[in-house]
Amino acid sequence: MIKMKELTSSQRKQLSAAAQTIKPVVQIGQSGLTEGVTGKVEQSLAAHELIKIKFLEFKDEKQDIANRLAESCEAVLVRIIGNVAILYRPAEKETSRKYGIVFDTEK
């Protein structure tokens, strides 16, 4: 299991730059944070490492929702820009990691 930590400013900058070219893969709509949304985020992180989540509703609560999603999926919230949150979780296998950002592993 990967133990998440805070990103350094250079890591945050690197991931934010990489996220510019990707489209949101998950949307938070009128149902809010559901098990289905959490499952989709989990699945998307496993496949892509770096994802965007678009808030169509609950825009006033986006910071709280994004933090809860990051915690439940063992990811880190990179940044929120407008109504889009960027989450990152490195791939389980080191050889599959795309962004070279390494976190301490839990013993």
Protein backbone atom coordinates (compact mmCIF):
# COMPACT_ATOMS: atom_id res chain seq x y z
CA MET A 1 0.00 0.00 0.00
CA ILE A 2 1.24 3.47 -0.84
CA LYS A 3 1.36 6.02 1.94
CA MET A 4 0.50 9.44 0.53
CA LYS A 5 2.25 12.60 1.56
CA GLU A 6 2.12 16.23 0.65
CA LEU A 7 3.47 17.15 -2.74
CA THR A 8 6.35 19.56 -3.02
CA SER A 9 5.70 22.70 -5.04
CA SER A 10 7.81 21.36 -7.92
CA GLN A 11 5.88 18.05 -7.94
CA ARG A 12 2.57 19.95 -7.86
CA LYS A 13 3.78 22.12 -10.75
CA GLN A 14 4.88 19.06 -12.77
CA LEU A 15 1.52 17.29 -12.28
CA SER A 16 -0.48 20.47 -13.00
CA ALA A 17 1.41 20.92 -16.27
CA ALA A 18 0.79 17.28 -17.23
CA ALA A 19 -2.92 17.65 -16.41
CA GLN A 20 -3.38 20.53 -18.88
CA THR A 21 -3.71 18.13 -21.78
CA ILE A 22 -6.16 15.68 -20.18
CA LYS A 23 -9.94 15.93 -20.11
CA PRO A 24 -12.10 15.36 -17.01
CA VAL A 25 -13.00 11.68 -16.68
CA VAL A 26 -15.44 12.02 -13.77
CA GLN A 27 -18.22 14.54 -13.18
CA ILE A 28 -19.87 15.45 -9.90
CA GLY A 29 -23.52 16.14 -10.70
CA GLN A 30 -26.69 16.64 -8.71
CA SER A 31 -26.33 13.32 -6.86
CA GLY A 32 -23.05 14.49 -5.36
CA LEU A 33 -20.45 12.11 -4.02
CA THR A 34 -21.92 8.62 -4.46
CA GLU A 35 -20.41 5.14 -4.34
CA GLY A 36 -20.56 5.12 -8.14
CA VAL A 37 -18.50 8.32 -8.35
CA THR A 38 -15.96 6.98 -5.86
CA GLY A 39 -15.72 3.71 -7.81
CA LYS A 40 -15.19 5.57 -11.09
CA VAL A 41 -12.46 7.72 -9.52
CA GLU A 42 -10.77 4.59 -8.13
CA GLN A 43 -10.93 2.88 -11.52
CA SER A 44 -9.69 5.98 -13.37
CA LEU A 45 -6.75 6.47 -11.00
CA ALA A 46 -5.74 2.84 -11.45
CA ALA A 47 -5.77 3.27 -15.22
CA HIS A 48 -4.33 6.77 -15.59
CA GLU A 49 -2.62 7.88 -12.33
CA LEU A 50 -3.54 11.53 -12.99
CA ILE A 51 -7.20 12.49 -13.50
CA LYS A 52 -9.47 15.50 -13.57
CA ILE A 53 -12.87 15.69 -11.89
CA LYS A 54 -15.36 18.31 -13.09
CA PHE A 55 -17.88 19.78 -10.68
CA LEU A 56 -21.21 20.47 -12.39
CA GLU A 57 -22.95 20.84 -9.02
CA PHE A 58 -21.73 21.21 -5.42
CA LYS A 59 -19.30 23.90 -6.54
CA ASP A 60 -19.27 25.51 -3.08
CA GLU A 61 -18.25 22.17 -1.53
CA LYS A 62 -15.67 21.15 -4.15
CA GLN A 63 -12.67 21.48 -1.79
CA ASP A 64 -14.27 19.20 0.81
CA ILE A 65 -15.52 16.67 -1.75
CA ALA A 66 -12.16 16.55 -3.55
CA ASN A 67 -10.32 16.03 -0.25
CA ARG A 68 -12.71 13.21 0.75
CA LEU A 69 -12.30 11.55 -2.65
CA ALA A 70 -8.51 11.80 -2.45
CA GLU A 71 -8.50 10.29 1.04
CA SER A 72 -10.89 7.45 0.21
CA CYS A 73 -8.93 6.55 -2.96
CA GLU A 74 -5.50 6.95 -1.32
CA ALA A 75 -4.67 9.71 -3.78
CA VAL A 76 -3.43 13.24 -3.40
CA LEU A 77 -5.29 16.38 -4.42
CA VAL A 78 -2.89 18.20 -6.72
CA ARG A 79 -4.93 21.35 -7.20
CA ILE A 80 -8.38 22.75 -7.89
CA ILE A 81 -8.62 25.12 -10.83
CA GLY A 82 -12.03 26.67 -11.36
CA ASN A 83 -14.52 23.81 -11.02
CA VAL A 84 -12.02 21.07 -11.87
CA ALA A 85 -10.04 19.05 -9.32
CA ILE A 86 -6.84 17.20 -10.24
CA LEU A 87 -6.07 13.96 -8.37
CA TYR A 88 -2.92 11.85 -8.54
CA ARG A 89 -2.07 8.36 -7.35
CA PRO A 90 1.07 6.62 -8.61
CA ALA A 91 0.66 3.23 -10.26
CA GLU A 92 1.18 0.20 -8.02
CA LYS A 93 4.00 -1.12 -10.22
CA GLU A 94 7.04 1.14 -10.45
CA THR A 95 7.54 0.21 -14.10
CA SER A 96 4.03 1.50 -14.92
CA ARG A 97 4.49 4.96 -13.40
CA LYS A 98 4.21 7.75 -15.93
CA TYR A 99 5.14 10.81 -13.89
CA GLY A 100 8.15 9.72 -11.85
CA ILE A 101 6.77 11.05 -8.59
CA VAL A 102 7.55 8.57 -5.88
CA PHE A 103 6.02 8.36 -2.43
CA ASP A 104 7.34 6.54 0.60
CA THR A 105 5.91 3.05 0.87
CA GLU A 106 4.35 1.84 4.09
CA LYS A 107 6.18 -1.04 5.74
